[in-house]
Amino acid sequence: MSEPIRFYFRGAVQEFTGGAPTRTVLQHLREDLHCTGTKEGCAEGDCGACTVVVGSLNPAGQLEMKAVNSCIQFAPTLDGKALFTVEDLQQPDGALHPVQQAMVECHGSQCGFCTPGFVMSLWGMYLDKEGQPAQRREIDDCLSGNLCRCTGYRPIIDAAHRMTALPAVAFDRAALTAQLQALQREAGSSYTAHGRTFYAPRTIEELVALRAAHPQATLLAGSTDIGLWVTKQLRELGDIIYLGHVTALQTVVEQGDMLEIGAGVSLEDAYNALCQLYPSQLGELRQRFASLPIRNAGTLGGNVANGSPIGDSMPWLIAVGSEVVLQGANGQRVLPLEAFYLDYQKKDLQPDEIVAAVRVPLPRENVQFRTYKLAKRFDQDISAVCAAFAFTLDGDHIVDARIAYGGMAATPRRAPRAESSLTGLRWNEANLRVAMDMLTQDFAPLSDMRASGTYRMQTAQNLLRRFWFETRLEAPLANEEVNAFAFKNARESA
């Protein structure tokens, strides 16, 4: 039986009925609810003109408010949640919210098209910081998913500083939490329209049973990739099984020498946990990985299940020896992540299986680990090459070498010949040069719009050299001596 999608919006519970399961939140806002403050700029989650804030309850029942891109989120994913747009910021007496007032005072709106998205991103940070001033790096991260076509970022950044100097406006979290608690469902639900069904299980048992019954259905997590299948490729998804309400997939726990991250954990939460383990190794990658709204919506499990050859998570996950947990009707099985990828868009995944979790090894003594991303922009850009290295060293001898790349082949994968040329030898420049040469036998990268094959190979070799500079036994170089962004990060953190 089809059930309406219920969510909290503009002070009341709204119902979404009759619309296709792939109707986006942006379409529903503008075309059905006639709230046109939220704009469409790119329809692919890149520009941020469509940014809204979604409130939801986490597995512990706590309220979370996250900025997301409404242009690639499907309306049925709002079930049991709250939706906030730029129209919600006006105060009861008609006054502007401090975020809006700061944008006015600092001349942060130029043509104005992108302004609602900037305002909502800043409001998300305002709520998160509870009105306290933000550091420049936090502001940059907050605005990483918002593009200003008038190139006027300085006054917007000024507004981000100014907004907390204005009289504060409180947000009633308790009242919203109570509203959302009343909307929660005890069991899975389904929504059917236009001949397609959107299944929303609540338990792992419901999810596994649905997957076994509907092996051809599209599994949906954060929609940061699948949303584009609809908005850009105009694909028909068929039935959809949504993982976003399965609380068993939203846990992060240490198990033995592994950190297990459920497939439903957002990229933002996953990387926050991972950066506590590997702060220097993953700190910059986390900041450069997509934008905050994409990290708020997307999941690490979805990133792994997608298996894109240019995905930024897989190279370093493979390098450190991560595992993927698969679950189906016959139970669980665990694979080394590198064995999960068979060929381009082909994975060792049975029709009735799902990716349930990713297991990441905890830091180990004597393992030197680094990961690097090369892209045309610092923020929110797809990599031309992503590299990761994890070497187990005994003094200057290499006990084990793990070298992995993204963007160099049809799948993210290791460099076996280069690894073999180093294992058991000294970590010196002569052996480094041999390994760099062996990379030409491990990979034959393609040329595309992001980079030529020649560029990819040369930079892959140079990144291995950079790793040697940072980890050699004699006079290793500090990050600021080899990182083009080090000065930028140091300055903006000050």
Protein backbone atom coordinates (compact mmCIF):
# COMPACT_ATOMS: atom_id res chain seq x y z
CA MET A 1 0.00 0.00 0.00
CA SER A 2 1.38 3.37 -1.00
CA GLU A 3 1.78 5.89 1.80
CA PRO A 4 2.18 9.66 1.39
CA ILE A 5 5.54 11.26 2.10
CA ARG A 6 5.22 13.44 5.21
CA PHE A 7 7.66 16.19 6.13
CA TYR A 8 7.71 19.39 8.17
CA PHE A 9 7.81 22.64 6.16
CA ARG A 10 6.82 26.25 6.83
CA GLY A 11 5.40 25.46 10.26
CA ALA A 12 3.21 22.52 9.25
CA VAL A 13 3.32 18.89 8.17
CA GLN A 14 3.22 18.64 4.38
CA GLU A 15 2.39 15.61 2.27
CA PHE A 16 3.97 14.70 -1.04
CA THR A 17 1.57 12.63 -3.13
CA GLY A 18 1.15 11.95 -6.82
CA GLY A 19 4.62 13.06 -7.88
CA ALA A 20 7.09 10.65 -9.46
CA PRO A 21 9.51 9.01 -6.97
CA THR A 22 12.33 10.78 -8.81
CA ARG A 23 10.78 14.23 -8.58
CA THR A 24 13.46 16.37 -6.98
CA VAL A 25 13.05 18.45 -3.86
CA LEU A 26 13.82 21.52 -5.99
CA GLN A 27 11.06 20.70 -8.47
CA HIS A 28 8.61 20.12 -5.64
CA LEU A 29 9.56 23.43 -4.02
CA ARG A 30 9.33 25.57 -7.11
CA GLU A 31 6.61 23.89 -9.14
CA ASP A 32 4.31 22.38 -6.52
CA LEU A 33 4.77 24.52 -3.41
CA HIS A 34 5.56 27.72 -5.38
CA CYS A 35 8.50 28.62 -3.13
CA THR A 36 10.78 30.10 -5.77
CA GLY A 37 13.53 31.53 -3.57
CA THR A 38 15.52 28.32 -4.13
CA LYS A 39 17.11 28.43 -7.59
CA GLU A 40 18.28 25.92 -10.16
CA GLY A 41 21.73 26.68 -11.51
CA CYS A 42 23.26 23.40 -12.62
CA ALA A 43 20.93 20.53 -11.64
CA GLU A 44 23.94 18.43 -10.68
CA GLY A 45 24.92 19.56 -7.18
CA ASP A 46 27.83 21.74 -8.24
CA CYS A 47 26.81 25.39 -7.99
CA GLY A 48 24.83 25.59 -4.74
CA ALA A 49 22.07 27.92 -5.97
CA CYS A 50 19.57 25.27 -4.84
CA THR A 51 20.97 24.83 -1.32
CA VAL A 52 18.43 24.09 1.40
CA VAL A 53 18.79 22.86 4.98
CA VAL A 54 17.25 19.54 5.99
CA GLY A 55 16.59 18.63 9.60
CA SER A 56 16.52 14.97 10.62
CA LEU A 57 16.89 12.78 13.69
CA ASN A 58 20.01 10.65 13.93
CA PRO A 59 19.91 7.09 15.38
CA ALA A 60 20.30 8.56 18.88
CA GLY A 61 17.24 10.76 18.35
CA GLN A 62 19.28 13.97 18.17
CA LEU A 63 18.41 16.71 15.70
CA GLU A 64 20.87 17.30 12.86
CA MET A 65 20.60 20.27 10.49
CA LYS A 66 22.51 19.88 7.24
CA ALA A 67 22.83 21.97 4.09
CA VAL A 68 22.21 19.86 0.96
CA ASN A 69 21.63 20.35 -2.76
CA SER A 70 17.89 20.16 -3.43
CA CYS A 71 18.40 19.75 -7.19
CA ILE A 72 19.56 16.12 -6.89
CA GLN A 73 17.63 14.98 -3.81
CA PHE A 74 14.40 13.10 -4.51
CA ALA A 75 11.29 14.34 -2.71
CA PRO A 76 10.43 10.97 -1.08
CA THR A 77 13.72 11.12 0.86
CA LEU A 78 12.16 13.93 2.93
CA ASP A 79 9.85 11.53 4.76
CA GLY A 80 10.10 12.17 8.49
CA LYS A 81 12.38 15.17 8.04
CA ALA A 82 12.11 18.97 8.04
CA LEU A 83 12.84 21.21 5.06
CA PHE A 84 14.04 24.80 5.35
CA THR A 85 14.49 27.28 2.51
CA VAL A 86 15.45 30.93 2.29
CA GLU A 87 11.79 31.87 2.81
CA ASP A 88 12.03 30.53 6.37
CA LEU A 89 14.66 32.97 7.55
CA GLN A 90 12.48 36.06 7.81
CA GLN A 91 11.67 36.81 11.45
CA PRO A 92 8.07 36.99 12.76
CA ASP A 93 8.26 40.80 12.89
CA GLY A 94 9.46 40.95 9.28
CA ALA A 95 13.09 41.61 10.15
CA LEU A 96 15.89 39.89 8.29
CA HIS A 97 17.85 37.06 9.89
CA PRO A 98 21.43 38.06 10.87
CA VAL A 99 22.73 36.01 7.94
CA GLN A 100 20.58 38.02 5.52
CA GLN A 101 21.29 41.33 7.25
CA ALA A 102 25.02 40.70 7.07
CA MET A 103 24.75 39.98 3.33
CA VAL A 104 22.98 43.34 2.91
CA GLU A 105 25.47 45.30 5.01
CA CYS A 106 28.52 43.70 3.33
CA HIS A 107 27.10 43.99 -0.20
CA GLY A 108 27.25 40.19 -0.54
CA SER A 109 24.52 39.98 -3.17
CA GLN A 110 25.40 41.00 -6.70
CA CYS A 111 23.23 39.61 -9.49
CA GLY A 112 21.40 37.82 -6.68
CA PHE A 113 20.78 34.49 -8.39
CA CYS A 114 23.14 32.51 -6.19
CA THR A 115 22.39 34.51 -3.04
CA PRO A 116 19.67 32.24 -1.57
CA GLY A 117 22.05 29.30 -1.74
CA PHE A 118 24.84 31.24 -0.05
CA VAL A 119 22.42 32.39 2.63
CA MET A 120 21.28 28.83 3.36
CA SER A 121 24.85 27.52 3.55
CA LEU A 122 25.72 30.33 5.97
CA TRP A 123 22.57 29.67 7.99
CA GLY A 124 23.59 26.02 8.28
CA MET A 125 26.93 27.12 9.72
CA TYR A 126 25.21 29.70 11.95
CA LEU A 127 23.14 26.90 13.49
CA ASP A 128 26.10 24.57 13.79
CA LYS A 129 28.26 27.20 15.49
CA GLU A 130 25.30 28.38 17.58
CA GLY A 131 26.02 31.96 16.64
CA GLN A 132 29.72 31.84 17.57
CA PRO A 133 32.31 33.33 15.16
CA ALA A 134 33.77 30.97 12.58
CA GLN A 135 37.37 30.67 11.47
CA ARG A 136 38.22 31.50 7.86
CA ARG A 137 38.85 27.86 6.99
CA GLU A 138 35.44 26.89 8.39
CA ILE A 139 33.84 29.59 6.25
CA ASP A 140 35.66 28.35 3.15
CA ASP A 141 34.50 24.81 3.87
CA CYS A 142 30.94 26.00 4.45
CA LEU A 143 30.89 27.84 1.11
CA SER A 144 32.81 25.23 -0.89
CA GLY A 145 29.61 24.15 -2.64
CA ASN A 146 28.43 27.66 -3.59
CA LEU A 147 29.61 29.30 -6.80
CA CYS A 148 29.32 33.05 -7.31
CA ARG A 149 29.27 33.80 -11.01
CA CYS A 150 29.93 37.48 -10.32
CA THR A 151 33.22 36.49 -8.64
CA GLY A 152 32.30 38.38 -5.47
CA TYR A 153 33.42 36.05 -2.72
CA ARG A 154 35.12 38.67 -0.56
CA PRO A 155 31.91 40.46 0.55
CA ILE A 156 30.22 37.10 1.15
CA ILE A 157 33.11 36.03 3.38
CA ASP A 158 32.86 39.41 5.10
CA ALA A 159 29.17 38.68 5.71
CA ALA A 160 30.09 35.30 7.24
CA HIS A 161 32.19 37.16 9.80
CA ARG A 162 29.66 39.95 10.27
CA MET A 163 26.59 37.77 10.88
CA THR A 164 27.72 36.66 14.34
CA ALA A 165 28.34 40.26 15.42
CA LEU A 166 24.65 41.10 14.92
CA PRO A 167 21.99 40.39 17.58
CA ALA A 168 21.59 36.63 17.75
CA VAL A 169 18.45 34.79 16.68
CA ALA A 170 17.69 31.55 18.52
CA PHE A 171 16.47 28.39 16.84
CA ASP A 172 14.04 26.16 18.74
CA ARG A 173 15.67 22.76 18.39
CA ALA A 174 13.48 21.15 21.04
CA ALA A 175 10.26 22.06 19.26
CA LEU A 176 11.52 20.79 15.91
CA THR A 177 12.79 17.58 17.51
CA ALA A 178 9.31 16.97 18.92
CA GLN A 179 7.74 17.63 15.51
CA LEU A 180 10.04 15.12 13.85
CA GLN A 181 9.57 12.50 16.54
CA ALA A 182 5.86 12.54 15.75
CA LEU A 183 6.63 11.89 12.06
CA GLN A 184 8.84 8.84 12.57
CA ARG A 185 7.60 5.46 11.32
CA GLU A 186 8.07 2.25 13.27
CA ALA A 187 8.37 0.05 10.19
CA GLY A 188 9.30 0.32 6.56
CA SER A 189 7.04 2.10 4.11
CA SER A 190 6.55 2.42 0.38
CA TYR A 191 5.40 5.18 -1.92
CA THR A 192 4.05 4.38 -5.39
CA ALA A 193 3.34 6.80 -8.23
CA HIS A 194 3.67 6.77 -12.02
CA GLY A 195 4.08 3.00 -11.94
CA ARG A 196 7.22 3.10 -9.80
CA THR A 197 7.70 2.35 -6.12
CA PHE A 198 10.02 4.00 -3.61
CA TYR A 199 10.74 1.51 -0.81
CA ALA A 200 11.99 2.88 2.51
CA PRO A 201 12.96 0.06 4.91
CA ARG A 202 13.80 0.82 8.54
CA THR A 203 15.75 -2.30 9.51
CA ILE A 204 18.56 -4.27 7.91
CA GLU A 205 16.22 -7.30 7.78
CA GLU A 206 13.64 -5.33 5.81
CA LEU A 207 16.36 -4.03 3.51
CA VAL A 208 17.82 -7.47 2.78
CA ALA A 209 14.36 -8.92 2.13
CA LEU A 210 13.49 -6.07 -0.25
CA ARG A 211 16.78 -6.48 -2.10
CA ALA A 212 16.18 -10.21 -2.54
CA ALA A 213 12.65 -9.54 -3.79
CA HIS A 214 13.67 -6.67 -6.09
CA PRO A 215 17.22 -7.34 -7.34
CA GLN A 216 16.75 -4.95 -10.27
CA ALA A 217 15.68 -2.01 -8.10
CA THR A 218 18.03 0.96 -7.77
CA LEU A 219 19.71 1.23 -4.38
CA LEU A 220 19.70 4.87 -3.26
CA ALA A 221 21.77 6.34 -0.45
CA GLY A 222 22.87 9.99 -0.74
CA SER A 223 21.74 10.57 -4.33
CA THR A 224 24.87 12.58 -5.11
CA ASP A 225 25.52 10.40 -8.16
CA ILE A 226 22.17 8.74 -8.87
CA GLY A 227 20.44 12.12 -8.79
CA LEU A 228 22.45 13.08 -11.87
CA TRP A 229 21.28 9.95 -13.67
CA VAL A 230 17.85 11.58 -13.60
CA THR A 231 18.61 15.29 -13.99
CA LYS A 232 21.40 14.98 -16.59
CA GLN A 233 21.03 11.60 -18.27
CA LEU A 234 17.22 11.50 -18.05
CA ARG A 235 17.38 7.85 -17.03
CA GLU A 236 14.42 5.87 -15.76
CA LEU A 237 15.46 4.32 -12.45
CA GLY A 238 12.59 1.87 -12.03
CA ASP A 239 11.79 0.93 -8.46
CA ILE A 240 14.02 2.44 -5.76
CA ILE A 241 15.17 1.02 -2.41
CA TYR A 242 16.24 3.86 -0.12
CA LEU A 243 18.87 3.15 2.54
CA GLY A 244 18.58 6.49 4.34
CA HIS A 245 16.21 5.30 7.08
CA VAL A 246 18.05 2.09 8.00
CA THR A 247 19.59 3.06 11.34
CA ALA A 248 21.70 -0.11 11.50
CA LEU A 249 23.72 1.27 8.57
CA GLN A 250 24.42 4.58 10.33
CA THR A 251 26.91 3.48 12.98
CA VAL A 252 30.66 4.04 13.35
CA VAL A 253 32.29 1.56 15.72
CA GLU A 254 35.74 0.16 16.46
CA GLN A 255 35.93 -3.59 16.09
CA GLY A 256 39.31 -5.03 16.97
CA ASP A 257 41.90 -3.30 14.82
CA MET A 258 39.30 -1.89 12.40
CA LEU A 259 36.95 1.09 12.32
CA GLU A 260 33.67 -0.12 10.83
CA ILE A 261 31.66 2.57 9.06
CA GLY A 262 28.09 1.70 8.13
CA ALA A 263 27.02 2.19 4.53
CA GLY A 264 24.50 4.84 5.58
CA VAL A 265 27.01 7.09 7.36
CA SER A 266 27.41 10.40 5.53
CA LEU A 267 30.74 11.30 3.98
CA GLU A 268 31.01 14.24 6.37
CA ASP A 269 30.52 12.08 9.46
CA ALA A 270 32.72 9.31 8.08
CA TYR A 271 35.61 11.63 7.29
CA ASN A 272 35.27 13.42 10.62
CA ALA A 273 35.73 10.05 12.34
CA LEU A 274 38.55 9.00 10.01
CA CYS A 275 40.40 12.29 10.47
CA GLN A 276 40.55 11.61 14.20
CA LEU A 277 42.58 8.52 13.32
CA TYR A 278 44.57 9.99 10.43
CA PRO A 279 44.49 13.79 10.90
CA SER A 280 47.55 14.75 8.86
CA GLN A 281 47.05 12.09 6.21
CA LEU A 282 43.37 12.75 5.45
CA GLY A 283 42.83 16.33 6.62
CA GLU A 284 43.45 18.01 3.28
CA LEU A 285 41.68 15.29 1.29
CA ARG A 286 38.60 15.70 3.47
CA GLN A 287 38.52 19.44 2.82
CA ARG A 288 38.97 18.94 -0.92
CA PHE A 289 36.57 16.02 -1.19
CA ALA A 290 33.50 17.42 -2.94
CA SER A 291 31.65 20.21 -1.10
CA LEU A 292 30.02 20.30 2.32
CA PRO A 293 26.45 19.84 0.94
CA ILE A 294 27.63 16.83 -1.07
CA ARG A 295 29.45 15.36 1.95
CA ASN A 296 26.35 15.98 4.07
CA ALA A 297 24.21 13.93 1.68
CA GLY A 298 26.55 11.36 0.15
CA THR A 299 27.75 8.27 2.02
CA LEU A 300 31.08 6.48 2.18
CA GLY A 301 29.28 3.20 1.50
CA GLY A 302 27.69 4.68 -1.60
CA ASN A 303 31.06 6.04 -2.73
CA VAL A 304 32.56 2.56 -2.41
CA ALA A 305 29.57 0.79 -3.99
CA ASN A 306 29.66 3.18 -6.93
CA GLY A 307 33.29 2.24 -7.59
CA SER A 308 34.08 5.17 -9.85
CA PRO A 309 37.64 5.00 -11.23
CA ILE A 310 38.04 8.66 -10.24
CA GLY A 311 36.50 8.41 -6.77
CA ASP A 312 38.75 9.92 -4.11
CA SER A 313 38.03 7.49 -1.26
CA MET A 314 38.96 4.21 -2.90
CA PRO A 315 42.73 4.69 -3.53
CA TRP A 316 43.56 5.43 0.09
CA LEU A 317 41.09 2.84 1.40
CA ILE A 318 42.80 0.24 -0.79
CA ALA A 319 46.28 1.42 0.20
CA VAL A 320 45.67 1.00 3.93
CA GLY A 321 44.06 -2.42 3.42
CA SER A 322 40.37 -1.69 3.97
CA GLU A 323 37.60 -4.26 3.64
CA VAL A 324 34.04 -4.11 2.36
CA VAL A 325 31.22 -5.93 4.17
CA LEU A 326 28.53 -7.31 1.86
CA GLN A 327 25.19 -8.54 3.13
CA GLY A 328 22.55 -10.63 1.40
CA ALA A 329 19.91 -13.24 2.03
CA ASN A 330 22.60 -15.81 2.85
CA GLY A 331 24.39 -13.62 5.37
CA GLN A 332 27.55 -11.54 5.30
CA ARG A 333 30.80 -11.89 3.44
CA VAL A 334 33.89 -9.71 3.70
CA LEU A 335 36.25 -8.84 0.86
CA PRO A 336 39.45 -6.83 0.62
CA LEU A 337 38.27 -3.65 -1.06
CA GLU A 338 40.69 -4.10 -3.96
CA ALA A 339 39.06 -7.48 -4.76
CA PHE A 340 35.61 -5.87 -4.90
CA TYR A 341 36.33 -4.08 -8.19
CA LEU A 342 36.47 -6.42 -11.17
CA ASP A 343 36.35 -4.01 -14.11
CA TYR A 344 34.83 -0.68 -15.09
CA GLN A 345 31.50 -0.47 -13.21
CA LYS A 346 31.70 -4.22 -12.49
CA LYS A 347 31.90 -5.40 -8.89
CA ASP A 348 31.88 -8.68 -6.98
CA LEU A 349 28.34 -8.08 -5.75
CA GLN A 350 25.57 -10.66 -6.00
CA PRO A 351 22.09 -9.52 -7.15
CA ASP A 352 20.67 -9.90 -3.64
CA GLU A 353 23.58 -8.22 -1.85
CA ILE A 354 24.19 -4.72 -0.59
CA VAL A 355 27.29 -2.95 0.68
CA ALA A 356 26.64 -2.94 4.43
CA ALA A 357 29.85 -1.37 5.77
CA VAL A 358 33.45 -0.42 5.13
CA ARG A 359 36.19 -1.49 7.54
CA VAL A 360 39.28 0.70 7.80
CA PRO A 361 42.41 -0.44 9.66
CA LEU A 362 43.40 1.62 12.67
CA PRO A 363 46.82 3.35 12.50
CA ARG A 364 49.70 0.90 12.80
CA GLU A 365 53.22 1.42 14.01
CA ASN A 366 55.89 1.85 11.33
CA VAL A 367 53.34 2.38 8.54
CA GLN A 368 53.93 5.55 6.56
CA PHE A 369 50.66 6.58 4.91
CA ARG A 370 49.86 9.53 2.65
CA THR A 371 47.20 10.38 0.09
CA TYR A 372 47.25 13.09 -2.58
CA LYS A 373 44.67 14.65 -4.90
CA LEU A 374 45.41 16.47 -8.14
CA ALA A 375 42.61 18.56 -9.63
CA LYS A 376 42.19 21.88 -11.39
CA ARG A 377 40.44 23.49 -8.41
CA PHE A 378 41.22 23.23 -4.72
CA ASP A 379 37.60 22.67 -3.70
CA GLN A 380 34.86 20.51 -5.14
CA ASP A 381 36.59 19.17 -8.24
CA ILE A 382 36.95 15.69 -9.67
CA SER A 383 40.49 14.39 -9.53
CA ALA A 384 42.70 13.98 -12.53
CA VAL A 385 44.83 11.66 -10.38
CA CYS A 386 44.38 10.54 -6.80
CA ALA A 387 47.26 8.63 -5.21
CA ALA A 388 47.74 6.81 -1.92
CA PHE A 389 50.77 5.08 -0.44
CA ALA A 390 51.08 2.94 2.69
CA PHE A 391 54.57 1.57 3.33
CA THR A 392 55.52 -0.59 6.29
CA LEU A 393 59.13 0.31 7.13
CA ASP A 394 61.76 -1.27 9.32
CA GLY A 395 64.25 1.55 9.57
CA ASP A 396 64.92 2.39 5.91
CA HIS A 397 63.89 -1.08 4.65
CA ILE A 398 60.51 -1.61 3.01
CA VAL A 399 58.71 -4.57 4.59
CA ASP A 400 55.52 -4.00 2.59
CA ALA A 401 54.63 -1.46 -0.11
CA ARG A 402 51.04 -0.64 -1.04
CA ILE A 403 50.59 1.83 -3.91
CA ALA A 404 47.10 2.70 -5.18
CA TYR A 405 45.77 5.20 -7.71
CA GLY A 406 42.49 6.57 -8.97
CA GLY A 407 42.13 8.04 -12.45
CA MET A 408 44.80 5.77 -13.89
CA ALA A 409 42.72 2.75 -14.93
CA ALA A 410 39.16 1.45 -15.34
CA THR A 411 38.99 0.90 -11.59
CA PRO A 412 40.84 2.30 -8.57
CA ARG A 413 43.63 -0.22 -8.11
CA ARG A 414 47.12 -1.02 -6.89
CA ALA A 415 50.41 -0.90 -8.79
CA PRO A 416 51.73 -4.49 -8.37
CA ARG A 417 54.94 -4.16 -10.39
CA ALA A 418 55.99 -0.96 -8.66
CA GLU A 419 55.20 -2.51 -5.28
CA SER A 420 57.18 -5.65 -6.07
CA SER A 421 60.18 -3.61 -7.18
CA LEU A 422 60.35 -2.01 -3.73
CA THR A 423 59.41 -4.77 -1.29
CA GLY A 424 62.37 -5.95 0.76
CA LEU A 425 64.66 -3.18 -0.44
CA ARG A 426 65.91 0.08 1.06
CA TRP A 427 63.73 3.15 0.76
CA ASN A 428 66.22 5.25 -1.20
CA GLU A 429 66.22 7.34 -4.33
CA ALA A 430 67.69 4.66 -6.56
CA ASN A 431 64.95 2.18 -5.74
CA LEU A 432 62.38 4.97 -5.94
CA ARG A 433 63.41 5.65 -9.55
CA VAL A 434 62.97 1.98 -10.46
CA ALA A 435 59.47 1.99 -8.94
CA MET A 436 58.58 5.17 -10.83
CA ASP A 437 59.62 3.49 -14.08
CA MET A 438 57.60 0.39 -13.21
CA LEU A 439 54.43 2.48 -13.00
CA THR A 440 54.49 2.67 -16.79
CA GLN A 441 54.01 -1.11 -16.82
CA ASP A 442 51.25 -1.02 -14.21
CA PHE A 443 49.09 1.61 -15.91
CA ALA A 444 48.18 2.95 -19.35
CA PRO A 445 46.04 5.97 -18.41
CA LEU A 446 43.57 7.47 -20.87
CA SER A 447 43.32 11.08 -22.02
CA ASP A 448 40.09 12.94 -21.37
CA MET A 449 38.79 16.42 -20.56
CA ARG A 450 40.51 16.44 -17.16
CA ALA A 451 44.01 15.41 -18.19
CA SER A 452 46.06 13.69 -20.86
CA GLY A 453 47.41 10.20 -20.33
CA THR A 454 50.93 11.62 -20.42
CA TYR A 455 50.13 14.11 -17.68
CA ARG A 456 48.51 11.43 -15.54
CA MET A 457 51.53 9.17 -15.77
CA GLN A 458 54.03 11.90 -15.04
CA THR A 459 52.09 13.18 -12.05
CA ALA A 460 51.54 9.65 -10.73
CA GLN A 461 55.30 9.17 -10.80
CA ASN A 462 55.94 12.55 -9.23
CA LEU A 463 53.49 11.88 -6.40
CA LEU A 464 55.44 8.75 -5.53
CA ARG A 465 58.57 10.90 -5.49
CA ARG A 466 56.83 13.41 -3.23
CA PHE A 467 55.95 10.55 -0.87
CA TRP A 468 59.63 9.65 -0.75
CA PHE A 469 60.58 13.25 0.03
CA GLU A 470 58.16 13.23 2.98
CA THR A 471 59.08 9.79 4.36
CA ARG A 472 62.79 9.26 3.61
CA LEU A 473 64.86 8.51 6.67
CA GLU A 474 67.31 11.36 6.17
CA ALA A 475 65.98 14.93 6.11
CA PRO A 476 62.30 14.23 5.35
CA LEU A 477 60.51 17.32 4.08
CA ALA A 478 57.65 18.85 6.03
CA ASN A 479 54.24 19.29 4.44
CA GLU A 480 54.68 23.02 3.82
CA GLU A 481 57.84 22.35 1.83
CA VAL A 482 56.16 20.12 -0.75
CA ASN A 483 52.49 21.17 -0.68
CA ALA A 484 51.35 24.00 -2.94
CA PHE A 485 48.33 24.59 -0.68
CA ALA A 486 50.20 24.49 2.64
CA PHE A 487 50.68 28.26 2.82
CA LYS A 488 47.05 28.82 1.89
CA ASN A 489 45.83 26.47 4.62
CA ALA A 490 48.18 27.92 7.24
CA ARG A 491 47.12 31.47 6.44
CA GLU A 492 43.39 30.70 6.43
CA SER A 493 43.58 28.79 9.71
CA ALA A 494 45.21 31.77 11.40
